[in-house]
Amino acid sequence: MSAEQYAAANEKYAASFTQGDLALPPSKHTIVVTCMDARIDPAASLGINLGEAHVIRNAGGRATDALRSILISQRLLGTSEIVLYHHTGCGMLTFRDEDIRAKLGNTPEAEEIAFLPFGDLEKSVKDDVKYLKEHPLVLKDAKISGWIYEVESGKVKQVA
């Protein structure tokens, strides 16, 4: 899309926008951590409306990559639940760190980045849930669950 198309789409959106008075903290006190994959609409698939949850997206929906945002959400905006949400057909299942580093020219800058791919989808969810539950800065009383979204069917299943 072009800049003009984005602007036109926004004009249409803003013309009927009525939710400018929503509170800053999410009303369901929930964080959803999910992948940046364009096939996922985490709010729609979990029944979350505008203003109800923070949605943090990154490649693979990895907890370590989302930690900064999780801590800000918990400590400054009162969230108390984390829904970790990975998905089938994820691109993070298709490569290793070495593969992307080679594409980047094996530069020192590329060596510094943990790209966080994984080989087992369910294990990645369980590992990320464990990471959050054990992290010393994540609220100990936070409710943390792990889910897999099936891009083929739109269904979710809890795995942790």
N, C-alpha and C. Protein backbone atom coordinates (compact mmCIF):
# COMPACT_ATOMS: atom_id res chain seq x y z
N MET A 1 0.84 -1.18 0.00
CA MET A 1 0.00 0.00 0.00
C MET A 1 0.88 1.25 0.00
N SER A 2 0.35 2.28 -0.52
CA SER A 2 1.07 3.56 -0.54
C SER A 2 0.67 4.39 0.68
N ALA A 3 1.42 5.45 0.91
CA ALA A 3 1.11 6.37 2.01
C ALA A 3 -0.29 6.96 1.84
N GLU A 4 -0.64 7.24 0.61
CA GLU A 4 -1.97 7.80 0.34
C GLU A 4 -3.07 6.80 0.69
N GLN A 5 -2.84 5.52 0.40
CA GLN A 5 -3.83 4.49 0.72
C GLN A 5 -3.98 4.32 2.24
N TYR A 6 -2.84 4.38 2.96
CA TYR A 6 -2.93 4.31 4.42
C TYR A 6 -3.71 5.50 4.96
N ALA A 7 -3.43 6.68 4.45
CA ALA A 7 -4.11 7.89 4.91
C ALA A 7 -5.61 7.82 4.62
N ALA A 8 -5.98 7.33 3.45
CA ALA A 8 -7.39 7.21 3.08
C ALA A 8 -8.09 6.19 3.98
N ALA A 9 -7.42 5.08 4.23
CA ALA A 9 -8.00 4.06 5.11
C ALA A 9 -8.19 4.62 6.51
N ASN A 10 -7.24 5.42 6.98
CA ASN A 10 -7.36 6.01 8.30
C ASN A 10 -8.49 7.02 8.36
N GLU A 11 -8.68 7.79 7.30
CA GLU A 11 -9.79 8.75 7.27
C GLU A 11 -11.12 8.02 7.45
N LYS A 12 -11.28 6.91 6.77
CA LYS A 12 -12.50 6.11 6.87
C LYS A 12 -12.66 5.58 8.30
N TYR A 13 -11.58 5.05 8.87
CA TYR A 13 -11.60 4.52 10.23
C TYR A 13 -11.95 5.61 11.24
N ALA A 14 -11.27 6.74 11.14
CA ALA A 14 -11.46 7.82 12.10
C ALA A 14 -12.86 8.43 12.01
N ALA A 15 -13.48 8.38 10.85
CA ALA A 15 -14.81 8.98 10.67
C ALA A 15 -15.86 8.33 11.56
N SER A 16 -15.68 7.05 11.88
CA SER A 16 -16.66 6.36 12.73
C SER A 16 -16.08 5.95 14.08
N PHE A 17 -14.90 6.45 14.41
CA PHE A 17 -14.23 6.08 15.65
C PHE A 17 -14.93 6.71 16.84
N THR A 18 -15.26 5.89 17.84
CA THR A 18 -16.00 6.39 19.01
C THR A 18 -15.37 5.98 20.33
N GLN A 19 -14.16 5.43 20.29
CA GLN A 19 -13.59 4.89 21.53
C GLN A 19 -12.37 5.66 22.03
N GLY A 20 -12.35 6.95 21.79
CA GLY A 20 -11.24 7.78 22.22
C GLY A 20 -11.17 8.01 23.72
N ASP A 21 -12.17 7.57 24.45
CA ASP A 21 -12.20 7.79 25.90
C ASP A 21 -11.80 6.55 26.69
N LEU A 22 -11.27 5.53 26.02
CA LEU A 22 -10.84 4.33 26.73
C LEU A 22 -9.69 4.66 27.68
N ALA A 23 -9.66 3.98 28.83
CA ALA A 23 -8.61 4.20 29.82
C ALA A 23 -7.27 3.65 29.31
N LEU A 24 -6.18 4.21 29.79
CA LEU A 24 -4.85 3.75 29.40
C LEU A 24 -4.58 2.30 29.83
N PRO A 25 -4.83 1.92 31.09
CA PRO A 25 -4.60 0.52 31.44
C PRO A 25 -5.64 -0.37 30.78
N PRO A 26 -5.24 -1.56 30.33
CA PRO A 26 -6.21 -2.45 29.71
C PRO A 26 -7.23 -2.96 30.73
N SER A 27 -8.49 -2.91 30.35
CA SER A 27 -9.57 -3.22 31.29
C SER A 27 -9.59 -4.67 31.75
N LYS A 28 -9.05 -5.59 30.97
CA LYS A 28 -9.00 -7.00 31.39
C LYS A 28 -7.68 -7.32 32.09
N HIS A 29 -6.82 -6.34 32.27
CA HIS A 29 -5.54 -6.50 32.97
C HIS A 29 -4.72 -7.64 32.37
N THR A 30 -4.78 -7.75 31.05
CA THR A 30 -4.19 -8.88 30.35
C THR A 30 -3.16 -8.42 29.32
N ILE A 31 -2.13 -9.24 29.16
CA ILE A 31 -1.12 -9.08 28.12
C ILE A 31 -1.20 -10.31 27.23
N VAL A 32 -1.23 -10.12 25.93
CA VAL A 32 -1.12 -11.23 24.97
C VAL A 32 0.22 -11.06 24.27
N VAL A 33 1.06 -12.09 24.35
CA VAL A 33 2.34 -12.09 23.64
C VAL A 33 2.20 -13.06 22.48
N THR A 34 2.35 -12.56 21.27
CA THR A 34 2.15 -13.41 20.10
C THR A 34 3.11 -13.03 18.98
N CYS A 35 3.05 -13.81 17.93
CA CYS A 35 3.91 -13.64 16.77
C CYS A 35 3.43 -12.47 15.91
N MET A 36 4.36 -11.95 15.13
CA MET A 36 4.03 -10.86 14.21
C MET A 36 3.36 -11.36 12.93
N ASP A 37 3.20 -12.67 12.79
CA ASP A 37 2.64 -13.28 11.60
C ASP A 37 1.32 -12.60 11.21
N ALA A 38 1.21 -12.20 9.95
CA ALA A 38 0.05 -11.45 9.47
C ALA A 38 -1.23 -12.29 9.41
N ARG A 39 -1.12 -13.60 9.58
CA ARG A 39 -2.31 -14.46 9.55
C ARG A 39 -3.00 -14.55 10.89
N ILE A 40 -2.45 -13.90 11.89
CA ILE A 40 -3.01 -13.99 13.24
C ILE A 40 -3.67 -12.68 13.63
N ASP A 41 -4.90 -12.78 14.10
CA ASP A 41 -5.60 -11.64 14.70
C ASP A 41 -5.88 -12.05 16.14
N PRO A 42 -4.91 -11.82 17.04
CA PRO A 42 -5.06 -12.34 18.40
C PRO A 42 -6.28 -11.79 19.13
N ALA A 43 -6.60 -10.54 18.92
CA ALA A 43 -7.76 -9.97 19.60
C ALA A 43 -9.04 -10.67 19.17
N ALA A 44 -9.23 -10.81 17.88
CA ALA A 44 -10.46 -11.46 17.38
C ALA A 44 -10.53 -12.92 17.79
N SER A 45 -9.40 -13.62 17.72
CA SER A 45 -9.43 -15.06 18.01
C SER A 45 -9.60 -15.36 19.49
N LEU A 46 -9.32 -14.40 20.35
CA LEU A 46 -9.49 -14.60 21.79
C LEU A 46 -10.65 -13.79 22.37
N GLY A 47 -11.40 -13.11 21.53
CA GLY A 47 -12.54 -12.34 22.00
C GLY A 47 -12.16 -11.11 22.81
N ILE A 48 -11.08 -10.46 22.41
CA ILE A 48 -10.60 -9.27 23.11
C ILE A 48 -10.97 -8.03 22.29
N ASN A 49 -11.58 -7.07 22.96
CA ASN A 49 -11.98 -5.83 22.30
C ASN A 49 -10.95 -4.74 22.55
N LEU A 50 -11.06 -3.67 21.79
CA LEU A 50 -10.17 -2.52 21.94
C LEU A 50 -10.20 -2.04 23.39
N GLY A 51 -9.03 -1.81 23.95
CA GLY A 51 -8.93 -1.31 25.31
C GLY A 51 -8.87 -2.38 26.38
N GLU A 52 -9.00 -3.64 26.02
CA GLU A 52 -9.07 -4.70 27.02
C GLU A 52 -7.74 -5.38 27.33
N ALA A 53 -6.77 -5.36 26.41
CA ALA A 53 -5.51 -6.06 26.63
C ALA A 53 -4.38 -5.40 25.86
N HIS A 54 -3.18 -5.55 26.38
CA HIS A 54 -1.99 -5.18 25.63
C HIS A 54 -1.63 -6.36 24.74
N VAL A 55 -1.36 -6.11 23.48
CA VAL A 55 -0.93 -7.16 22.56
C VAL A 55 0.50 -6.83 22.14
N ILE A 56 1.41 -7.73 22.49
CA ILE A 56 2.83 -7.56 22.20
C ILE A 56 3.19 -8.57 21.12
N ARG A 57 3.69 -8.07 20.00
CA ARG A 57 4.00 -8.94 18.87
C ARG A 57 5.49 -8.88 18.53
N ASN A 58 6.05 -10.04 18.23
CA ASN A 58 7.42 -10.13 17.74
C ASN A 58 7.56 -11.43 16.96
N ALA A 59 8.66 -11.60 16.28
CA ALA A 59 8.88 -12.82 15.51
C ALA A 59 8.88 -14.03 16.43
N GLY A 60 7.90 -14.89 16.26
CA GLY A 60 7.77 -16.09 17.07
C GLY A 60 6.98 -15.91 18.35
N GLY A 61 6.64 -14.68 18.70
CA GLY A 61 5.93 -14.45 19.96
C GLY A 61 6.76 -14.81 21.17
N ARG A 62 8.07 -14.57 21.09
CA ARG A 62 9.00 -15.01 22.13
C ARG A 62 8.95 -14.12 23.36
N ALA A 63 8.92 -14.76 24.52
CA ALA A 63 8.82 -14.05 25.80
C ALA A 63 10.04 -13.20 26.08
N THR A 64 11.23 -13.70 25.77
CA THR A 64 12.44 -12.92 26.07
C THR A 64 12.45 -11.61 25.28
N ASP A 65 11.94 -11.65 24.07
CA ASP A 65 11.88 -10.46 23.23
C ASP A 65 10.82 -9.48 23.73
N ALA A 66 9.81 -9.98 24.43
CA ALA A 66 8.69 -9.16 24.90
C ALA A 66 8.87 -8.67 26.34
N LEU A 67 9.93 -9.11 27.00
CA LEU A 67 10.07 -8.86 28.43
C LEU A 67 9.97 -7.38 28.81
N ARG A 68 10.64 -6.51 28.10
CA ARG A 68 10.60 -5.07 28.42
C ARG A 68 9.16 -4.57 28.45
N SER A 69 8.40 -4.91 27.43
CA SER A 69 7.00 -4.47 27.37
C SER A 69 6.15 -5.11 28.46
N ILE A 70 6.41 -6.37 28.76
CA ILE A 70 5.67 -7.06 29.83
C ILE A 70 5.88 -6.34 31.16
N LEU A 71 7.13 -6.03 31.46
CA LEU A 71 7.43 -5.38 32.75
C LEU A 71 6.78 -4.00 32.85
N ILE A 72 6.81 -3.24 31.77
CA ILE A 72 6.15 -1.92 31.76
C ILE A 72 4.65 -2.09 31.95
N SER A 73 4.07 -3.06 31.25
CA SER A 73 2.63 -3.31 31.35
C SER A 73 2.23 -3.71 32.77
N GLN A 74 3.00 -4.59 33.37
CA GLN A 74 2.67 -5.04 34.72
C GLN A 74 2.88 -3.94 35.76
N ARG A 75 4.05 -3.34 35.75
CA ARG A 75 4.45 -2.45 36.83
C ARG A 75 3.85 -1.05 36.72
N LEU A 76 3.58 -0.60 35.50
CA LEU A 76 3.05 0.76 35.34
C LEU A 76 1.58 0.81 34.95
N LEU A 77 1.07 -0.29 34.40
CA LEU A 77 -0.31 -0.25 33.89
C LEU A 77 -1.21 -1.34 34.48
N GLY A 78 -0.72 -2.06 35.47
CA GLY A 78 -1.57 -2.92 36.28
C GLY A 78 -2.01 -4.24 35.70
N THR A 79 -1.33 -4.75 34.69
CA THR A 79 -1.74 -6.05 34.15
C THR A 79 -1.29 -7.17 35.08
N SER A 80 -2.08 -8.24 35.10
CA SER A 80 -1.81 -9.35 36.02
C SER A 80 -1.94 -10.71 35.35
N GLU A 81 -2.20 -10.74 34.06
CA GLU A 81 -2.31 -12.01 33.34
C GLU A 81 -1.51 -11.92 32.05
N ILE A 82 -0.80 -13.01 31.72
CA ILE A 82 -0.05 -13.09 30.47
C ILE A 82 -0.53 -14.30 29.70
N VAL A 83 -0.96 -14.07 28.47
CA VAL A 83 -1.36 -15.15 27.57
C VAL A 83 -0.28 -15.23 26.49
N LEU A 84 0.50 -16.31 26.52
CA LEU A 84 1.55 -16.52 25.53
C LEU A 84 0.94 -17.35 24.40
N TYR A 85 1.16 -16.92 23.15
CA TYR A 85 0.33 -17.38 22.05
C TYR A 85 1.20 -17.61 20.81
N HIS A 86 1.69 -18.86 20.63
CA HIS A 86 2.45 -19.21 19.43
C HIS A 86 1.50 -19.84 18.42
N HIS A 87 2.00 -20.20 17.22
CA HIS A 87 1.07 -20.70 16.19
C HIS A 87 1.71 -21.72 15.26
N THR A 88 0.85 -22.52 14.65
CA THR A 88 1.31 -23.49 13.66
C THR A 88 1.82 -22.76 12.43
N GLY A 89 2.68 -23.43 11.70
CA GLY A 89 3.20 -22.84 10.47
C GLY A 89 4.08 -21.63 10.68
N CYS A 90 4.67 -21.50 11.86
CA CYS A 90 5.48 -20.32 12.17
C CYS A 90 6.80 -20.37 11.42
N GLY A 91 7.20 -19.24 10.88
CA GLY A 91 8.48 -19.14 10.18
C GLY A 91 9.67 -19.42 11.08
N MET A 92 9.50 -19.25 12.39
CA MET A 92 10.60 -19.48 13.33
C MET A 92 10.97 -20.97 13.41
N LEU A 93 10.12 -21.82 12.86
CA LEU A 93 10.40 -23.26 12.80
C LEU A 93 11.27 -23.63 11.60
N THR A 94 11.56 -22.66 10.73
CA THR A 94 12.16 -22.98 9.43
C THR A 94 13.64 -22.63 9.28
N PHE A 95 14.26 -22.10 10.32
CA PHE A 95 15.67 -21.70 10.18
C PHE A 95 16.39 -21.82 11.51
N ARG A 96 17.70 -21.66 11.46
CA ARG A 96 18.55 -21.60 12.65
C ARG A 96 19.23 -20.23 12.67
N ASP A 97 19.76 -19.86 13.83
CA ASP A 97 20.47 -18.58 13.93
C ASP A 97 21.54 -18.46 12.85
N GLU A 98 22.25 -19.54 12.60
CA GLU A 98 23.34 -19.51 11.62
C GLU A 98 22.83 -19.15 10.22
N ASP A 99 21.63 -19.59 9.90
CA ASP A 99 21.06 -19.31 8.57
C ASP A 99 20.84 -17.82 8.36
N ILE A 100 20.23 -17.16 9.32
CA ILE A 100 19.96 -15.73 9.13
C ILE A 100 21.24 -14.91 9.29
N ARG A 101 22.12 -15.36 10.15
CA ARG A 101 23.40 -14.65 10.27
C ARG A 101 24.17 -14.69 8.96
N ALA A 102 24.12 -15.82 8.25
CA ALA A 102 24.79 -15.92 6.94
C ALA A 102 24.16 -14.94 5.96
N LYS A 103 22.83 -14.81 5.98
CA LYS A 103 22.15 -13.86 5.09
C LYS A 103 22.54 -12.41 5.40
N LEU A 104 22.90 -12.18 6.65
CA LEU A 104 23.29 -10.85 7.08
C LEU A 104 24.80 -10.62 6.94
N GLY A 105 25.49 -11.60 6.39
CA GLY A 105 26.92 -11.45 6.13
C GLY A 105 27.81 -11.82 7.30
N ASN A 106 27.28 -12.55 8.28
CA ASN A 106 28.05 -12.96 9.46
C ASN A 106 28.84 -11.80 10.07
N THR A 107 28.20 -10.67 10.16
CA THR A 107 28.83 -9.48 10.72
C THR A 107 28.84 -9.55 12.25
N PRO A 108 29.71 -8.81 12.90
CA PRO A 108 29.70 -8.79 14.37
C PRO A 108 28.34 -8.35 14.92
N GLU A 109 27.68 -7.43 14.22
CA GLU A 109 26.37 -6.96 14.67
C GLU A 109 25.34 -8.10 14.64
N ALA A 110 25.39 -8.94 13.61
CA ALA A 110 24.48 -10.07 13.50
C ALA A 110 24.77 -11.12 14.57
N GLU A 111 26.03 -11.27 14.93
CA GLU A 111 26.42 -12.24 15.96
C GLU A 111 25.86 -11.86 17.32
N GLU A 112 25.59 -10.60 17.53
CA GLU A 112 25.10 -10.12 18.82
C GLU A 112 23.61 -10.40 19.03
N ILE A 113 22.90 -10.74 17.96
CA ILE A 113 21.45 -10.90 18.05
C ILE A 113 21.08 -12.37 18.21
N ALA A 114 20.25 -12.64 19.20
CA ALA A 114 19.65 -13.96 19.34
C ALA A 114 18.32 -13.91 18.58
N PHE A 115 18.23 -14.63 17.50
CA PHE A 115 17.02 -14.58 16.67
C PHE A 115 15.90 -15.46 17.21
N LEU A 116 16.23 -16.36 18.10
CA LEU A 116 15.27 -17.16 18.86
C LEU A 116 14.40 -18.11 18.03
N PRO A 117 14.94 -18.77 17.01
CA PRO A 117 14.13 -19.76 16.31
C PRO A 117 13.90 -20.97 17.21
N PHE A 118 12.97 -21.82 16.83
CA PHE A 118 12.72 -23.03 17.61
C PHE A 118 12.37 -24.18 16.68
N GLY A 119 12.60 -25.40 17.15
CA GLY A 119 12.34 -26.58 16.34
C GLY A 119 11.09 -27.34 16.76
N ASP A 120 10.54 -27.02 17.93
CA ASP A 120 9.38 -27.73 18.46
C ASP A 120 8.40 -26.69 18.98
N LEU A 121 7.26 -26.59 18.35
CA LEU A 121 6.28 -25.55 18.66
C LEU A 121 5.78 -25.64 20.10
N GLU A 122 5.32 -26.79 20.51
CA GLU A 122 4.78 -26.92 21.87
C GLU A 122 5.86 -26.67 22.92
N LYS A 123 7.06 -27.15 22.66
CA LYS A 123 8.16 -26.93 23.60
C LYS A 123 8.49 -25.44 23.69
N SER A 124 8.41 -24.72 22.57
CA SER A 124 8.70 -23.29 22.62
C SER A 124 7.71 -22.56 23.52
N VAL A 125 6.45 -22.96 23.47
CA VAL A 125 5.44 -22.33 24.34
C VAL A 125 5.76 -22.64 25.80
N LYS A 126 6.01 -23.91 26.08
CA LYS A 126 6.30 -24.32 27.46
C LYS A 126 7.57 -23.65 27.99
N ASP A 127 8.60 -23.56 27.14
CA ASP A 127 9.84 -22.89 27.55
C ASP A 127 9.60 -21.42 27.86
N ASP A 128 8.80 -20.75 27.03
CA ASP A 128 8.53 -19.33 27.25
C ASP A 128 7.68 -19.09 28.50
N VAL A 129 6.71 -19.96 28.75
CA VAL A 129 5.90 -19.85 29.97
C VAL A 129 6.80 -20.05 31.18
N LYS A 130 7.66 -21.05 31.13
CA LYS A 130 8.60 -21.31 32.23
C LYS A 130 9.51 -20.10 32.45
N TYR A 131 10.03 -19.55 31.37
CA TYR A 131 10.88 -18.36 31.45
C TYR A 131 10.17 -17.23 32.19
N LEU A 132 8.92 -16.97 31.84
CA LEU A 132 8.18 -15.88 32.48
C LEU A 132 7.89 -16.19 33.94
N LYS A 133 7.51 -17.42 34.24
CA LYS A 133 7.19 -17.79 35.62
C LYS A 133 8.43 -17.71 36.52
N GLU A 134 9.59 -17.95 35.95
CA GLU A 134 10.82 -17.96 36.74
C GLU A 134 11.57 -16.63 36.73
N HIS A 135 11.18 -15.72 35.86
CA HIS A 135 11.93 -14.46 35.77
C HIS A 135 11.71 -13.64 37.05
N PRO A 136 12.78 -13.15 37.65
CA PRO A 136 12.65 -12.44 38.93
C PRO A 136 11.90 -11.12 38.86
N LEU A 137 11.76 -10.52 37.69
CA LEU A 137 11.07 -9.24 37.59
C LEU A 137 9.60 -9.35 37.19
N VAL A 138 9.20 -10.52 36.70
CA VAL A 138 7.78 -10.74 36.35
C VAL A 138 7.03 -10.99 37.65
N LEU A 139 5.88 -10.36 37.79
CA LEU A 139 5.09 -10.50 39.02
C LEU A 139 4.82 -11.97 39.34
N LYS A 140 5.12 -12.36 40.57
CA LYS A 140 4.99 -13.76 40.98
C LYS A 140 3.55 -14.24 41.00
N ASP A 141 2.61 -13.34 41.23
CA ASP A 141 1.21 -13.74 41.29
C ASP A 141 0.49 -13.61 39.94
N ALA A 142 1.25 -13.32 38.89
CA ALA A 142 0.65 -13.20 37.56
C ALA A 142 0.14 -14.55 37.08
N LYS A 143 -1.02 -14.55 36.47
CA LYS A 143 -1.54 -15.76 35.84
C LYS A 143 -0.89 -15.84 34.46
N ILE A 144 -0.20 -16.95 34.16
CA ILE A 144 0.51 -17.10 32.90
C ILE A 144 0.09 -18.41 32.25
N SER A 145 -0.37 -18.33 31.00
CA SER A 145 -0.77 -19.53 30.28
C SER A 145 -0.16 -19.53 28.88
N GLY A 146 -0.04 -20.71 28.30
CA GLY A 146 0.56 -20.86 26.98
C GLY A 146 -0.40 -21.54 26.02
N TRP A 147 -0.47 -21.02 24.81
CA TRP A 147 -1.45 -21.46 23.82
C TRP A 147 -0.80 -21.66 22.45
N ILE A 148 -1.42 -22.50 21.65
CA ILE A 148 -1.05 -22.64 20.24
C ILE A 148 -2.28 -22.32 19.40
N TYR A 149 -2.11 -21.40 18.49
CA TYR A 149 -3.15 -21.03 17.53
C TYR A 149 -2.92 -21.81 16.25
N GLU A 150 -3.95 -22.45 15.74
CA GLU A 150 -3.87 -23.21 14.49
C GLU A 150 -4.28 -22.30 13.34
N VAL A 151 -3.30 -21.88 12.52
CA VAL A 151 -3.62 -20.97 11.43
C VAL A 151 -4.54 -21.63 10.41
N GLU A 152 -4.55 -22.94 10.36
CA GLU A 152 -5.38 -23.67 9.40
C GLU A 152 -6.87 -23.65 9.76
N SER A 153 -7.17 -23.59 11.06
CA SER A 153 -8.57 -23.69 11.51
C SER A 153 -9.07 -22.48 12.30
N GLY A 154 -8.15 -21.67 12.82
CA GLY A 154 -8.52 -20.56 13.68
C GLY A 154 -8.72 -20.96 15.12
N LYS A 155 -8.52 -22.23 15.45
CA LYS A 155 -8.72 -22.72 16.81
C LYS A 155 -7.46 -22.56 17.63
N VAL A 156 -7.65 -22.46 18.96
CA VAL A 156 -6.53 -22.41 19.89
C VAL A 156 -6.61 -23.60 20.83
N LYS A 157 -5.44 -24.01 21.34
CA LYS A 157 -5.42 -25.03 22.37
C LYS A 157 -4.39 -24.64 23.41
N GLN A 158 -4.75 -24.84 24.66
CA GLN A 158 -3.83 -24.51 25.75
C GLN A 158 -2.85 -25.65 25.93
N VAL A 159 -1.56 -25.32 26.03
CA VAL A 159 -0.52 -26.33 26.20
C VAL A 159 0.32 -26.09 27.47
N ALA A 160 0.14 -24.98 28.11
CA ALA A 160 0.87 -24.69 29.36
C ALA A 160 0.06 -23.72 30.20
